[in-house]
Protein backbone atom coordinates (compact mmCIF):
# COMPACT_ATOMS: atom_id res chain seq x y z
CA MET A 1 0.07 -0.08 -0.18
CA GLY A 2 1.35 3.41 -0.79
CA VAL A 3 1.53 6.43 1.05
CA PHE A 4 -0.98 7.87 -0.16
CA GLN A 5 -3.26 5.70 -0.19
CA GLN A 6 -2.51 5.38 3.66
CA ALA A 7 -2.78 9.19 3.17
CA LYS A 8 -6.52 8.83 1.97
CA ASP A 9 -7.34 5.75 4.25
CA MET A 10 -6.57 8.16 7.33
CA TYR A 11 -8.36 10.85 5.63
CA LYS A 12 -11.58 8.73 5.46
CA LEU A 13 -10.82 7.64 9.30
CA GLN A 14 -11.18 10.89 10.30
CA LYS A 15 -14.35 11.90 8.40
CA GLU A 16 -16.06 8.93 10.06
CA ALA A 17 -14.74 10.13 13.02
CA LYS A 18 -16.11 13.48 12.83
CA THR A 19 -19.41 12.26 11.71
CA ILE A 20 -19.89 10.02 14.48
CA LYS A 21 -19.00 12.43 17.04
CA LYS A 22 -21.32 14.55 15.78
CA GLU A 23 -24.02 11.72 15.92
CA LEU A 24 -22.96 11.03 19.75
CA ALA A 25 -23.14 14.96 20.77
CA ASN A 26 -27.23 14.58 19.69
CA ILE A 27 -28.16 11.65 21.74
CA HIS A 28 -29.46 12.50 25.01
CA ILE A 29 -29.77 9.90 27.66
CA GLU A 30 -31.86 9.89 30.62
CA ALA A 31 -31.01 8.24 33.58
CA GLU A 32 -33.56 8.49 36.86
CA GLU A 33 -32.94 7.57 40.59
CA ASP A 34 -35.48 8.20 43.22
CA GLY A 35 -36.30 11.76 41.64
CA VAL A 36 -33.09 12.96 40.39
CA VAL A 37 -32.71 12.91 36.62
CA ILE A 38 -29.38 13.22 34.43
CA THR A 39 -29.30 14.08 31.11
CA VAL A 40 -25.97 13.29 29.73
CA ASN A 41 -24.97 12.64 25.62
CA ALA A 42 -23.02 9.91 24.15
CA GLU A 43 -20.15 11.93 24.01
CA LEU A 44 -20.50 11.53 28.03
CA GLU A 45 -21.01 14.89 28.83
CA CYS A 46 -23.76 16.38 31.49
CA ILE A 47 -26.78 18.11 29.62
CA ASN A 48 -29.25 18.53 32.44
CA ILE A 49 -29.56 17.84 36.27
CA THR A 50 -33.46 17.91 37.16
CA ILE A 51 -34.19 16.93 41.36
CA SER A 52 -37.56 16.83 42.38
CA ASP A 53 -38.60 18.41 45.62
CA GLU A 54 -38.80 14.86 47.40
CA ALA A 55 -35.56 14.05 46.44
CA MET A 56 -34.41 17.23 48.34
CA GLN A 57 -35.14 15.96 51.50
CA SER A 58 -32.18 14.16 52.52
CA LYS A 59 -28.77 15.67 51.76
CA ASP A 60 -26.74 12.00 51.66
CA ALA A 61 -29.92 10.24 49.99
CA LEU A 62 -29.40 12.90 47.21
CA GLN A 63 -26.07 12.69 47.47
CA LYS A 64 -25.94 9.25 46.84
CA ASN A 65 -28.76 9.32 44.00
CA ILE A 66 -27.02 11.63 41.57
CA LEU A 67 -23.90 9.83 41.75
CA LYS A 68 -26.29 6.82 41.19
CA ALA A 69 -27.89 8.34 38.58
CA PHE A 70 -24.88 10.13 37.25
CA ASN A 71 -23.02 6.78 36.81
CA LYS A 72 -25.75 4.70 34.73
CA GLY A 73 -26.03 7.77 32.21
CA LEU A 74 -22.07 7.54 31.87
CA LYS A 75 -22.47 4.10 30.99
CA LYS A 76 -25.27 3.47 28.64
CA GLY A 77 -23.48 6.54 26.88
CA GLN A 78 -20.17 4.77 26.89
CA GLN A 79 -22.08 1.66 25.55
CA ILE A 80 -23.41 3.77 22.90
CA ALA A 81 -20.33 5.38 21.77
CA ALA A 82 -18.44 2.06 21.59
CA GLU A 83 -21.26 0.36 19.73
CA LYS A 84 -21.12 3.37 17.53
CA MET A 85 -17.42 3.59 17.12
CA LYS A 86 -16.98 -0.20 16.47
CA GLY A 87 -17.09 0.32 12.37
CA VAL A 88 -13.83 3.02 12.56
CA MET A 89 -11.94 -0.15 14.53
CA SER A 90 -12.64 -2.30 12.79
CA MET A 91 -11.34 -0.26 9.12
CA MET A 92 -8.53 0.72 11.74
CA GLY A 93 -8.12 -2.89 12.21
CA MET A 94 -8.17 -1.88 16.17
CA GLY A 95 -11.51 -4.01 16.83
CA GLN A 96 -13.30 -7.42 15.97
CA GLY A 97 -14.92 -7.02 12.44
CA PRO A 98 -17.61 -9.01 11.56
CA GLU A 99 -15.29 -11.73 10.98
CA THR A 100 -14.10 -12.05 14.04
CA GLU A 101 -17.94 -11.69 16.11
CA GLU A 102 -18.85 -14.97 14.24
CA LYS A 103 -15.99 -16.96 14.87
CA ALA A 104 -16.01 -16.46 18.51
CA GLU A 105 -19.46 -17.25 18.58
């Protein structure tokens, strides 16, 4: 493979990664824990936090519920991001392509 082809492939990968990054920014995930609702995007950025009046009754419970909801949202965001990035990773030879997934079953 020539240098020109490698540069062309790298450009294609960068373009694909930018497209996926835009998609991830537009995917919003809500995670709820006892009156605390955290919204994150699939780029793992916090978009919004909503806390019900009932959740405000206990500071300790509120802190725990914020952590739980935030961690739920981040975990789901990571799963979505990983799924979206599978194609790019396999193009780079860094992930399992469809051929290796079938053999693993």
